[in-house]
Amino acid sequence: MNKDEILAKSRAENKNQDVYEQEILRQACKTAVFIQLILAAVFFIAQILAGKGINWGLWALIFSSDMTIHWVKFRKLRRKYDLATAIAYTALVSVMSVSYICGLIASSAAL
């Protein structure tokens, strides 16, 4: 392969996207998920201190981003680690969502 063929193949693989830009986007996504986690923890603690109990729906939303990231990574890369992590996050999000919805139903039935 000559230099032009290698360059053309690289462009095709990267779909004409800048590798540096892709790395920046990856770092931005990781930072966004981390900030979500910190805000959720602050809101979680504030809600408990206010005597309002635990809002599992908030945590389901937070962990759903990690769940989605791992499902997309598994779909594209077919790695077993991503599949196992995606399944674990899906189970976690499902349990938290069901807990939140059951809590809403129980509190509305009490009224």
PDB file of N, CA and C in Angstrom:
ATOM      1  N   MET A   1       0.836  -1.183   0.000  1.00  0.00           N
ATOM      2  CA  MET A   1       0.000   0.000   0.000  1.00  0.00           C
ATOM      3  C   MET A   1       0.884   1.250   0.000  1.00  0.00           C
ATOM      4  N   ASN A   2       0.465   2.199  -0.780  1.00  0.00           N
ATOM      5  CA  ASN A   2       1.207   3.449  -0.763  1.00  0.00           C
ATOM      6  C   ASN A   2       0.538   4.429   0.208  1.00  0.00           C
ATOM      7  N   LYS A   3       1.147   5.556   0.352  1.00  0.00           N
ATOM      8  CA  LYS A   3       0.698   6.552   1.324  1.00  0.00           C
ATOM      9  C   LYS A   3      -0.746   7.010   1.062  1.00  0.00           C
ATOM     10  N   ASP A   4      -1.095   7.220  -0.205  1.00  0.00           N
ATOM     11  CA  ASP A   4      -2.445   7.680  -0.550  1.00  0.00           C
ATOM     12  C   ASP A   4      -3.512   6.637  -0.223  1.00  0.00           C
ATOM     13  N   GLU A   5      -3.189   5.356  -0.451  1.00  0.00           N
ATOM     14  CA  GLU A   5      -4.148   4.296  -0.141  1.00  0.00           C
ATOM     15  C   GLU A   5      -4.377   4.192   1.370  1.00  0.00           C
ATOM     16  N   ILE A   6      -3.303   4.320   2.138  1.00  0.00           N
ATOM     17  CA  ILE A   6      -3.410   4.269   3.592  1.00  0.00           C
ATOM     18  C   ILE A   6      -4.253   5.446   4.105  1.00  0.00           C
ATOM     19  N   LEU A   7      -4.004   6.622   3.566  1.00  0.00           N
ATOM     20  CA  LEU A   7      -4.752   7.805   3.951  1.00  0.00           C
ATOM     21  C   LEU A   7      -6.234   7.664   3.600  1.00  0.00           C
ATOM     22  N   ALA A   8      -6.527   7.139   2.418  1.00  0.00           N
ATOM     23  CA  ALA A   8      -7.914   6.943   2.005  1.00  0.00           C
ATOM     24  C   ALA A   8      -8.614   5.928   2.911  1.00  0.00           C
ATOM     25  N   LYS A   9      -7.902   4.860   3.262  1.00  0.00           N
ATOM     26  CA  LYS A   9      -8.487   3.850   4.144  1.00  0.00           C
ATOM     27  C   LYS A   9      -8.741   4.430   5.538  1.00  0.00           C
ATOM     28  N   SER A  10      -7.821   5.234   6.038  1.00  0.00           N
ATOM     29  CA  SER A  10      -7.979   5.862   7.344  1.00  0.00           C
ATOM     30  C   SER A  10      -9.169   6.814   7.352  1.00  0.00           C
ATOM     31  N   ARG A  11      -9.318   7.575   6.301  1.00  0.00           N
ATOM     32  CA  ARG A  11     -10.461   8.498   6.206  1.00  0.00           C
ATOM     33  C   ARG A  11     -11.778   7.743   6.160  1.00  0.00           C
ATOM     34  N   ALA A  12     -11.785   6.623   5.441  1.00  0.00           N
ATOM     35  CA  ALA A  12     -13.004   5.821   5.351  1.00  0.00           C
ATOM     36  C   ALA A  12     -13.369   5.243   6.724  1.00  0.00           C
ATOM     37  N   GLU A  13     -12.362   4.781   7.473  1.00  0.00           N
ATOM     38  CA  GLU A  13     -12.617   4.219   8.797  1.00  0.00           C
ATOM     39  C   GLU A  13     -13.106   5.284   9.772  1.00  0.00           C
ATOM     40  N   ASN A  14     -12.560   6.468   9.677  1.00  0.00           N
ATOM     41  CA  ASN A  14     -12.930   7.543  10.594  1.00  0.00           C
ATOM     42  C   ASN A  14     -14.065   8.403  10.068  1.00  0.00           C
ATOM     43  N   LYS A  15     -14.571   8.071   8.894  1.00  0.00           N
ATOM     44  CA  LYS A  15     -15.688   8.796   8.270  1.00  0.00           C
ATOM     45  C   LYS A  15     -15.407  10.295   8.191  1.00  0.00           C
ATOM     46  N   ASN A  16     -14.192  10.630   7.792  1.00  0.00           N
ATOM     47  CA  ASN A  16     -13.733  12.007   7.624  1.00  0.00           C
ATOM     48  C   ASN A  16     -13.827  12.846   8.897  1.00  0.00           C
ATOM     49  N   GLN A  17     -13.809  12.185  10.055  1.00  0.00           N
ATOM     50  CA  GLN A  17     -13.816  12.914  11.316  1.00  0.00           C
ATOM     51  C   GLN A  17     -12.389  13.011  11.841  1.00  0.00           C
ATOM     52  N   ASP A  18     -12.122  14.083  12.479  1.00  0.00           N
ATOM     53  CA  ASP A  18     -10.812  14.308  13.061  1.00  0.00           C
ATOM     54  C   ASP A  18     -10.656  13.422  14.304  1.00  0.00           C
ATOM     55  N   VAL A  19      -9.558  12.683  14.395  1.00  0.00           N
ATOM     56  CA  VAL A  19      -9.315  11.794  15.518  1.00  0.00           C
ATOM     57  C   VAL A  19      -9.210  12.601  16.819  1.00  0.00           C
ATOM     58  N   TYR A  20      -8.571  13.752  16.752  1.00  0.00           N
ATOM     59  CA  TYR A  20      -8.457  14.613  17.934  1.00  0.00           C
ATOM     60  C   TYR A  20      -9.839  15.053  18.410  1.00  0.00           C
ATOM     61  N   GLU A  21     -10.697  15.423  17.468  1.00  0.00           N
ATOM     62  CA  GLU A  21     -12.054  15.838  17.822  1.00  0.00           C
ATOM     63  C   GLU A  21     -12.824  14.680  18.453  1.00  0.00           C
ATOM     64  N   GLN A  22     -12.641  13.470  17.950  1.00  0.00           N
ATOM     65  CA  GLN A  22     -13.293  12.300  18.526  1.00  0.00           C
ATOM     66  C   GLN A  22     -12.837  12.074  19.966  1.00  0.00           C
ATOM     67  N   GLU A  23     -11.559  12.263  20.227  1.00  0.00           N
ATOM     68  CA  GLU A  23     -11.027  12.091  21.577  1.00  0.00           C
ATOM     69  C   GLU A  23     -11.587  13.153  22.519  1.00  0.00           C
ATOM     70  N   ILE A  24     -11.681  14.378  22.051  1.00  0.00           N
ATOM     71  CA  ILE A  24     -12.250  15.456  22.861  1.00  0.00           C
ATOM     72  C   ILE A  24     -13.710  15.146  23.190  1.00  0.00           C
ATOM     73  N   LEU A  25     -14.456  14.666  22.214  1.00  0.00           N
ATOM     74  CA  LEU A  25     -15.859  14.307  22.438  1.00  0.00           C
ATOM     75  C   LEU A  25     -15.974  13.185  23.459  1.00  0.00           C
ATOM     76  N   ARG A  26     -15.095  12.210  23.386  1.00  0.00           N
ATOM     77  CA  ARG A  26     -15.094  11.098  24.338  1.00  0.00           C
ATOM     78  C   ARG A  26     -14.839  11.616  25.754  1.00  0.00           C
ATOM     79  N   GLN A  27     -13.862  12.498  25.895  1.00  0.00           N
ATOM     80  CA  GLN A  27     -13.557  13.076  27.202  1.00  0.00           C
ATOM     81  C   GLN A  27     -14.724  13.931  27.712  1.00  0.00           C
ATOM     82  N   ALA A  28     -15.362  14.657  26.823  1.00  0.00           N
ATOM     83  CA  ALA A  28     -16.505  15.486  27.205  1.00  0.00           C
ATOM     84  C   ALA A  28     -17.656  14.620  27.720  1.00  0.00           C
ATOM     85  N   CYS A  29     -17.904  13.503  27.063  1.00  0.00           N
ATOM     86  CA  CYS A  29     -18.973  12.597  27.495  1.00  0.00           C
ATOM     87  C   CYS A  29     -18.670  12.022  28.875  1.00  0.00           C
ATOM     88  N   LYS A  30     -17.424  11.619  29.093  1.00  0.00           N
ATOM     89  CA  LYS A  30     -17.040  11.078  30.393  1.00  0.00           C
ATOM     90  C   LYS A  30     -17.202  12.136  31.487  1.00  0.00           C
ATOM     91  N   THR A  31     -16.817  13.359  31.186  1.00  0.00           N
ATOM     92  CA  THR A  31     -16.938  14.443  32.162  1.00  0.00           C
ATOM     93  C   THR A  31     -18.403  14.741  32.450  1.00  0.00           C
ATOM     94  N   ALA A  32     -19.236  14.737  31.422  1.00  0.00           N
ATOM     95  CA  ALA A  32     -20.668  15.005  31.605  1.00  0.00           C
ATOM     96  C   ALA A  32     -21.305  13.958  32.507  1.00  0.00           C
ATOM     97  N   VAL A  33     -20.975  12.696  32.311  1.00  0.00           N
ATOM     98  CA  VAL A  33     -21.526  11.629  33.142  1.00  0.00           C
ATOM     99  C   VAL A  33     -21.046  11.792  34.585  1.00  0.00           C
ATOM    100  N   PHE A  34     -19.786  12.166  34.761  1.00  0.00           N
ATOM    101  CA  PHE A  34     -19.243  12.377  36.103  1.00  0.00           C
ATOM    102  C   PHE A  34     -19.954  13.532  36.811  1.00  0.00           C
ATOM    103  N   ILE A  35     -20.183  14.623  36.094  1.00  0.00           N
ATOM    104  CA  ILE A  35     -20.884  15.772  36.682  1.00  0.00           C
ATOM    105  C   ILE A  35     -22.317  15.385  37.044  1.00  0.00           C
ATOM    106  N   GLN A  36     -22.967  14.596  36.208  1.00  0.00           N
ATOM    107  CA  GLN A  36     -24.316  14.111  36.526  1.00  0.00           C
ATOM    108  C   GLN A  36     -24.300  13.325  37.829  1.00  0.00           C
ATOM    109  N   LEU A  37     -23.296  12.483  37.978  1.00  0.00           N
ATOM    110  CA  LEU A  37     -23.184  11.669  39.179  1.00  0.00           C
ATOM    111  C   LEU A  37     -22.997  12.536  40.422  1.00  0.00           C
ATOM    112  N   ILE A  38     -22.168  13.549  40.334  1.00  0.00           N
ATOM    113  CA  ILE A  38     -21.945  14.446  41.471  1.00  0.00           C
ATOM    114  C   ILE A  38     -23.238  15.199  41.825  1.00  0.00           C
ATOM    115  N   LEU A  39     -23.916  15.745  40.821  1.00  0.00           N
ATOM    116  CA  LEU A  39     -25.175  16.458  41.092  1.00  0.00           C
ATOM    117  C   LEU A  39     -26.235  15.531  41.679  1.00  0.00           C
ATOM    118  N   ALA A  40     -26.304  14.320  41.173  1.00  0.00           N
ATOM    119  CA  ALA A  40     -27.266  13.361  41.712  1.00  0.00           C
ATOM    120  C   ALA A  40     -26.960  13.061  43.172  1.00  0.00           C
ATOM    121  N   ALA A  41     -25.680  12.929  43.506  1.00  0.00           N
ATOM    122  CA  ALA A  41     -25.300  12.674  44.896  1.00  0.00           C
ATOM    123  C   ALA A  41     -25.687  13.849  45.789  1.00  0.00           C
ATOM    124  N   VAL A  42     -25.460  15.065  45.318  1.00  0.00           N
ATOM    125  CA  VAL A  42     -25.834  16.252  46.096  1.00  0.00           C
ATOM    126  C   VAL A  42     -27.352  16.290  46.291  1.00  0.00           C
ATOM    127  N   PHE A  43     -28.115  16.072  45.228  1.00  0.00           N
ATOM    128  CA  PHE A  43     -29.574  16.079  45.324  1.00  0.00           C
ATOM    129  C   PHE A  43     -30.067  14.940  46.223  1.00  0.00           C
ATOM    130  N   PHE A  44     -29.423  13.785  46.124  1.00  0.00           N
ATOM    131  CA  PHE A  44     -29.770  12.615  46.920  1.00  0.00           C
ATOM    132  C   PHE A  44     -29.610  12.923  48.409  1.00  0.00           C
ATOM    133  N   ILE A  45     -28.463  13.486  48.776  1.00  0.00           N
ATOM    134  CA  ILE A  45     -28.189  13.826  50.174  1.00  0.00           C
ATOM    135  C   ILE A  45     -29.148  14.911  50.653  1.00  0.00           C
ATOM    136  N   ALA A  46     -29.387  15.925  49.833  1.00  0.00           N
ATOM    137  CA  ALA A  46     -30.307  17.009  50.215  1.00  0.00           C
ATOM    138  C   ALA A  46     -31.710  16.467  50.451  1.00  0.00           C
ATOM    139  N   GLN A  47     -32.146  15.555  49.610  1.00  0.00           N
ATOM    140  CA  GLN A  47     -33.500  15.004  49.755  1.00  0.00           C
ATOM    141  C   GLN A  47     -33.613  14.167  51.024  1.00  0.00           C
ATOM    142  N   ILE A  48     -32.582  13.408  51.334  1.00  0.00           N
ATOM    143  CA  ILE A  48     -32.603  12.606  52.562  1.00  0.00           C
ATOM    144  C   ILE A  48     -32.594  13.518  53.788  1.00  0.00           C
ATOM    145  N   LEU A  49     -31.737  14.546  53.759  1.00  0.00           N
ATOM    146  CA  LEU A  49     -31.664  15.473  54.886  1.00  0.00           C
ATOM    147  C   LEU A  49     -32.969  16.252  55.070  1.00  0.00           C
ATOM    148  N   ALA A  50     -33.693  16.480  53.990  1.00  0.00           N
ATOM    149  CA  ALA A  50     -34.978  17.171  54.073  1.00  0.00           C
ATOM    150  C   ALA A  50     -36.101  16.230  54.520  1.00  0.00           C
ATOM    151  N   GLY A  51     -35.759  14.952  54.708  1.00  0.00           N
ATOM    152  CA  GLY A  51     -36.755  13.984  55.172  1.00  0.00           C
ATOM    153  C   GLY A  51     -37.711  13.518  54.098  1.00  0.00           C
ATOM    154  N   LYS A  52     -37.302  13.613  52.852  1.00  0.00           N
ATOM    155  CA  LYS A  52     -38.181  13.239  51.744  1.00  0.00           C
ATOM    156  C   LYS A  52     -37.910  11.833  51.212  1.00  0.00           C
ATOM    157  N   GLY A  53     -37.035  11.066  51.859  1.00  0.00           N
ATOM    158  CA  GLY A  53     -36.757   9.699  51.422  1.00  0.00           C
ATOM    159  C   GLY A  53     -35.777   9.652  50.267  1.00  0.00           C
ATOM    160  N   ILE A  54     -35.761   8.513  49.609  1.00  0.00           N
ATOM    161  CA  ILE A  54     -34.801   8.279  48.517  1.00  0.00           C
ATOM    162  C   ILE A  54     -35.532   8.343  47.184  1.00  0.00           C
ATOM    163  N   ASN A  55     -34.993   9.114  46.261  1.00  0.00           N
ATOM    164  CA  ASN A  55     -35.563   9.231  44.925  1.00  0.00           C
ATOM    165  C   ASN A  55     -34.791   8.291  43.983  1.00  0.00           C
ATOM    166  N   TRP A  56     -35.302   7.073  43.839  1.00  0.00           N
ATOM    167  CA  TRP A  56     -34.631   6.097  42.979  1.00  0.00           C
ATOM    168  C   TRP A  56     -34.737   6.466  41.508  1.00  0.00           C
ATOM    169  N   GLY A  57     -35.740   7.237  41.141  1.00  0.00           N
ATOM    170  CA  GLY A  57     -35.886   7.671  39.752  1.00  0.00           C
ATOM    171  C   GLY A  57     -34.718   8.528  39.304  1.00  0.00           C
ATOM    172  N   LEU A  58     -34.229   9.362  40.209  1.00  0.00           N
ATOM    173  CA  LEU A  58     -33.064  10.191  39.917  1.00  0.00           C
ATOM    174  C   LEU A  58     -31.853   9.324  39.588  1.00  0.00           C
ATOM    175  N   TRP A  59     -31.637   8.298  40.400  1.00  0.00           N
ATOM    176  CA  TRP A  59     -30.491   7.410  40.152  1.00  0.00           C
ATOM    177  C   TRP A  59     -30.692   6.586  38.878  1.00  0.00           C
ATOM    178  N   ALA A  60     -31.920   6.200  38.601  1.00  0.00           N
ATOM    179  CA  ALA A  60     -32.184   5.462  37.358  1.00  0.00           C
ATOM    180  C   ALA A  60     -31.801   6.313  36.149  1.00  0.00           C
ATOM    181  N   LEU A  61     -32.128   7.601  36.206  1.00  0.00           N
ATOM    182  CA  LEU A  61     -31.754   8.502  35.111  1.00  0.00           C
ATOM    183  C   LEU A  61     -30.238   8.618  34.970  1.00  0.00           C
ATOM    184  N   ILE A  62     -29.549   8.757  36.091  1.00  0.00           N
ATOM    185  CA  ILE A  62     -28.101   8.909  36.056  1.00  0.00           C
ATOM    186  C   ILE A  62     -27.440   7.665  35.483  1.00  0.00           C
ATOM    187  N   PHE A  63     -27.815   6.497  35.976  1.00  0.00           N
ATOM    188  CA  PHE A  63     -27.175   5.269  35.512  1.00  0.00           C
ATOM    189  C   PHE A  63     -27.620   4.873  34.105  1.00  0.00           C
ATOM    190  N   SER A  64     -28.717   5.441  33.634  1.00  0.00           N
ATOM    191  CA  SER A  64     -29.151   5.118  32.268  1.00  0.00           C
ATOM    192  C   SER A  64     -28.156   5.642  31.228  1.00  0.00           C
ATOM    193  N   SER A  65     -27.411   6.715  31.547  1.00  0.00           N
ATOM    194  CA  SER A  65     -26.405   7.187  30.586  1.00  0.00           C
ATOM    195  C   SER A  65     -25.281   6.171  30.453  1.00  0.00           C
ATOM    196  N   ASP A  66     -24.801   5.644  31.586  1.00  0.00           N
ATOM    197  CA  ASP A  66     -23.759   4.612  31.518  1.00  0.00           C
ATOM    198  C   ASP A  66     -24.284   3.355  30.823  1.00  0.00           C
ATOM    199  N   MET A  67     -25.523   3.010  31.117  1.00  0.00           N
ATOM    200  CA  MET A  67     -26.133   1.843  30.476  1.00  0.00           C
ATOM    201  C   MET A  67     -26.135   2.016  28.958  1.00  0.00           C
ATOM    202  N   THR A  68     -26.558   3.170  28.504  1.00  0.00           N
ATOM    203  CA  THR A  68     -26.626   3.441  27.061  1.00  0.00           C
ATOM    204  C   THR A  68     -25.237   3.423  26.422  1.00  0.00           C
ATOM    205  N   ILE A  69     -24.269   4.032  27.090  1.00  0.00           N
ATOM    206  CA  ILE A  69     -22.894   4.046  26.568  1.00  0.00           C
ATOM    207  C   ILE A  69     -22.389   2.630  26.368  1.00  0.00           C
ATOM    208  N   HIS A  70     -22.607   1.756  27.345  1.00  0.00           N
ATOM    209  CA  HIS A  70     -22.098   0.387  27.223  1.00  0.00           C
ATOM    210  C   HIS A  70     -22.864  -0.433  26.196  1.00  0.00           C
ATOM    211  N   TRP A  71     -24.165  -0.187  26.034  1.00  0.00           N
ATOM    212  CA  TRP A  71     -24.899  -0.892  24.978  1.00  0.00           C
ATOM    213  C   TRP A  71     -24.390  -0.467  23.593  1.00  0.00           C
ATOM    214  N   VAL A  72     -24.147   0.824  23.416  1.00  0.00           N
ATOM    215  CA  VAL A  72     -23.625   1.307  22.119  1.00  0.00           C
ATOM    216  C   VAL A  72     -22.229   0.746  21.870  1.00  0.00           C
ATOM    217  N   LYS A  73     -21.373   0.768  22.905  1.00  0.00           N
ATOM    218  CA  LYS A  73     -20.027   0.226  22.749  1.00  0.00           C
ATOM    219  C   LYS A  73     -20.079  -1.261  22.407  1.00  0.00           C
ATOM    220  N   PHE A  74     -20.970  -2.014  23.065  1.00  0.00           N
ATOM    221  CA  PHE A  74     -21.085  -3.436  22.752  1.00  0.00           C
ATOM    222  C   PHE A  74     -21.549  -3.641  21.320  1.00  0.00           C
ATOM    223  N   ARG A  75     -22.528  -2.859  20.911  1.00  0.00           N
ATOM    224  CA  ARG A  75     -23.066  -3.000  19.556  1.00  0.00           C
ATOM    225  C   ARG A  75     -21.990  -2.742  18.498  1.00  0.00           C
ATOM    226  N   LYS A  76     -21.126  -1.762  18.762  1.00  0.00           N
ATOM    227  CA  LYS A  76     -20.098  -1.400  17.784  1.00  0.00           C
ATOM    228  C   LYS A  76     -18.844  -2.260  17.899  1.00  0.00           C
ATOM    229  N   LEU A  77     -18.440  -2.617  19.127  1.00  0.00           N
ATOM    230  CA  LEU A  77     -17.152  -3.288  19.332  1.00  0.00           C
ATOM    231  C   LEU A  77     -17.259  -4.782  19.640  1.00  0.00           C
ATOM    232  N   ARG A  78     -18.436  -5.234  20.028  1.00  0.00           N
ATOM    233  CA  ARG A  78     -18.697  -6.645  20.328  1.00  0.00           C
ATOM    234  C   ARG A  78     -17.757  -7.220  21.401  1.00  0.00           C
ATOM    235  N   ARG A  79     -17.483  -6.413  22.442  1.00  0.00           N
ATOM    236  CA  ARG A  79     -16.641  -6.901  23.529  1.00  0.00           C
ATOM    237  C   ARG A  79     -17.518  -7.451  24.648  1.00  0.00           C
ATOM    238  N   LYS A  80     -17.110  -8.588  25.224  1.00  0.00           N
ATOM    239  CA  LYS A  80     -17.886  -9.220  26.293  1.00  0.00           C
ATOM    240  C   LYS A  80     -17.976  -8.336  27.531  1.00  0.00           C
ATOM    241  N   TYR A  81     -16.915  -7.596  27.811  1.00  0.00           N
ATOM    242  CA  TYR A  81     -16.926  -6.702  28.970  1.00  0.00           C
ATOM    243  C   TYR A  81     -18.051  -5.676  28.844  1.00  0.00           C
ATOM    244  N   ASP A  82     -18.193  -5.096  27.664  1.00  0.00           N
ATOM    245  CA  ASP A  82     -19.244  -4.098  27.458  1.00  0.00           C
ATOM    246  C   ASP A  82     -20.624  -4.724  27.563  1.00  0.00           C
ATOM    247  N   LEU A  83     -20.769  -5.945  27.084  1.00  0.00           N
ATOM    248  CA  LEU A  83     -22.054  -6.633  27.200  1.00  0.00           C
ATOM    249  C   LEU A  83     -22.394  -6.881  28.666  1.00  0.00           C
ATOM    250  N   ALA A  84     -21.436  -7.401  29.423  1.00  0.00           N
ATOM    251  CA  ALA A  84     -21.679  -7.678  30.843  1.00  0.00           C
ATOM    252  C   ALA A  84     -22.001  -6.389  31.599  1.00  0.00           C
ATOM    253  N   THR A  85     -21.262  -5.330  31.310  1.00  0.00           N
ATOM    254  CA  THR A  85     -21.497  -4.053  31.980  1.00  0.00           C
ATOM    255  C   THR A  85     -22.851  -3.480  31.586  1.00  0.00           C
ATOM    256  N   ALA A  86     -23.203  -3.582  30.323  1.00  0.00           N
ATOM    257  CA  ALA A  86     -24.503  -3.080  29.855  1.00  0.00           C
ATOM    258  C   ALA A  86     -25.646  -3.836  30.523  1.00  0.00           C
ATOM    259  N   ILE A  87     -25.508  -5.137  30.652  1.00  0.00           N
ATOM    260  CA  ILE A  87     -26.550  -5.944  31.299  1.00  0.00           C
ATOM    261  C   ILE A  87     -26.665  -5.564  32.773  1.00  0.00           C
ATOM    262  N   ALA A  88     -25.525  -5.378  33.444  1.00  0.00           N
ATOM    263  CA  ALA A  88     -25.539  -4.992  34.860  1.00  0.00           C
ATOM    264  C   ALA A  88     -26.207  -3.633  35.049  1.00  0.00           C
ATOM    265  N   TYR A  89     -25.851  -2.667  34.209  1.00  0.00           N
ATOM    266  CA  TYR A  89     -26.469  -1.344  34.310  1.00  0.00           C
ATOM    267  C   TYR A  89     -27.962  -1.413  33.990  1.00  0.00           C
ATOM    268  N   THR A  90     -28.337  -2.240  33.025  1.00  0.00           N
ATOM    269  CA  THR A  90     -29.751  -2.380  32.679  1.00  0.00           C
ATOM    270  C   THR A  90     -30.536  -2.939  33.858  1.00  0.00           C
ATOM    271  N   ALA A  91     -29.968  -3.938  34.531  1.00  0.00           N
ATOM    272  CA  ALA A  91     -30.626  -4.504  35.707  1.00  0.00           C
ATOM    273  C   ALA A  91     -30.748  -3.455  36.807  1.00  0.00           C
ATOM    274  N   LEU A  92     -29.684  -2.702  37.032  1.00  0.00           N
ATOM    275  CA  LEU A  92     -29.686  -1.659  38.058  1.00  0.00           C
ATOM    276  C   LEU A  92     -30.733  -0.585  37.755  1.00  0.00           C
ATOM    277  N   VAL A  93     -30.751  -0.116  36.523  1.00  0.00           N
ATOM    278  CA  VAL A  93     -31.715   0.914  36.115  1.00  0.00           C
ATOM    279  C   VAL A  93     -33.144   0.377  36.224  1.00  0.00           C
ATOM    280  N   SER A  94     -33.340  -0.874  35.846  1.00  0.00           N
ATOM    281  CA  SER A  94     -34.679  -1.469  35.915  1.00  0.00           C
ATOM    282  C   SER A  94     -35.177  -1.556  37.356  1.00  0.00           C
ATOM    283  N   VAL A  95     -34.311  -2.031  38.244  1.00  0.00           N
ATOM    284  CA  VAL A  95     -34.700  -2.146  39.654  1.00  0.00           C
ATOM    285  C   VAL A  95     -35.008  -0.772  40.241  1.00  0.00           C
ATOM    286  N   MET A  96     -34.170   0.194  39.962  1.00  0.00           N
ATOM    287  CA  MET A  96     -34.395   1.547  40.480  1.00  0.00           C
ATOM    288  C   MET A  96     -35.666   2.163  39.907  1.00  0.00           C
ATOM    289  N   SER A  97     -35.917   1.939  38.626  1.00  0.00           N
ATOM    290  CA  SER A  97     -37.126   2.481  37.986  1.00  0.00           C
ATOM    291  C   SER A  97     -38.384   1.860  38.585  1.00  0.00           C
ATOM    292  N   VAL A  98     -38.370   0.545  38.749  1.00  0.00           N
ATOM    293  CA  VAL A  98     -39.528  -0.140  39.333  1.00  0.00           C
ATOM    294  C   VAL A  98     -39.753   0.334  40.768  1.00  0.00           C
ATOM    295  N   SER A  99     -38.659   0.486  41.524  1.00  0.00           N
ATOM    296  CA  SER A  99     -38.768   0.972  42.896  1.00  0.00           C
ATOM    297  C   SER A  99     -39.378   2.368  42.939  1.00  0.00           C
ATOM    298  N   TYR A 100     -38.937   3.227  42.039  1.00  0.00           N
ATOM    299  CA  TYR A 100     -39.457   4.595  41.984  1.00  0.00           C
ATOM    300  C   TYR A 100     -40.951   4.602  41.638  1.00  0.00           C
ATOM    301  N   ILE A 101     -41.322   3.825  40.627  1.00  0.00           N
ATOM    302  CA  ILE A 101     -42.721   3.789  40.185  1.00  0.00           C
ATOM    303  C   ILE A 101     -43.613   3.173  41.272  1.00  0.00           C
ATOM    304  N   CYS A 102     -43.118   2.116  41.925  1.00  0.00           N
ATOM    305  CA  CYS A 102     -43.899   1.515  43.021  1.00  0.00           C
ATOM    306  C   CYS A 102     -44.085   2.498  44.161  1.00  0.00           C
ATOM    307  N   GLY A 103     -43.049   3.278  44.451  1.00  0.00           N
ATOM    308  CA  GLY A 103     -43.150   4.311  45.492  1.00  0.00           C
ATOM    309  C   GLY A 103     -44.183   5.359  45.127  1.00  0.00           C
ATOM    310  N   LEU A 104     -44.215   5.757  43.857  1.00  0.00           N
ATOM    311  CA  LEU A 104     -45.222   6.729  43.416  1.00  0.00           C
ATOM    312  C   LEU A 104     -46.624   6.182  43.546  1.00  0.00           C
ATOM    313  N   ILE A 105     -46.797   4.919  43.167  1.00  0.00           N
ATOM    314  CA  ILE A 105     -48.114   4.289  43.245  1.00  0.00           C
ATOM    315  C   ILE A 105     -48.553   4.170  44.707  1.00  0.00           C
ATOM    316  N   ALA A 106     -47.619   3.763  45.569  1.00  0.00           N
ATOM    317  CA  ALA A 106     -47.953   3.608  46.985  1.00  0.00           C
ATOM    318  C   ALA A 106     -48.308   4.947  47.630  1.00  0.00           C
ATOM    319  N   SER A 107     -47.568   5.993  47.272  1.00  0.00           N
ATOM    320  CA  SER A 107     -47.869   7.295  47.868  1.00  0.00           C
ATOM    321  C   SER A 107     -49.167   7.885  47.332  1.00  0.00           C
ATOM    322  N   SER A 108     -49.502   7.612  46.086  1.00  0.00           N
ATOM    323  CA  SER A 108     -50.764   8.136  45.543  1.00  0.00           C
ATOM    324  C   SER A 108     -51.943   7.330  46.067  1.00  0.00           C
ATOM    325  N   ALA A 109     -51.745   6.048  46.357  1.00  0.00           N
ATOM    326  CA  ALA A 109     -52.826   5.223  46.908  1.00  0.00           C
ATOM    327  C   ALA A 109     -53.109   5.602  48.357  1.00  0.00           C
ATOM    328  N   ALA A 110     -52.069   6.099  49.043  1.00  0.00           N
ATOM    329  CA  ALA A 110     -52.239   6.502  50.449  1.00  0.00           C
ATOM    330  C   ALA A 110     -53.059   7.781  50.565  1.00  0.00           C
ATOM    331  N   LEU A 111     -53.097   8.570  49.518  1.00  0.00           N
ATOM    332  CA  LEU A 111     -53.859   9.820  49.540  1.00  0.00           C
ATOM    333  C   LEU A 111     -55.286   9.495  49.358  1.00  0.00           C
TER     334      LEU A 111
END
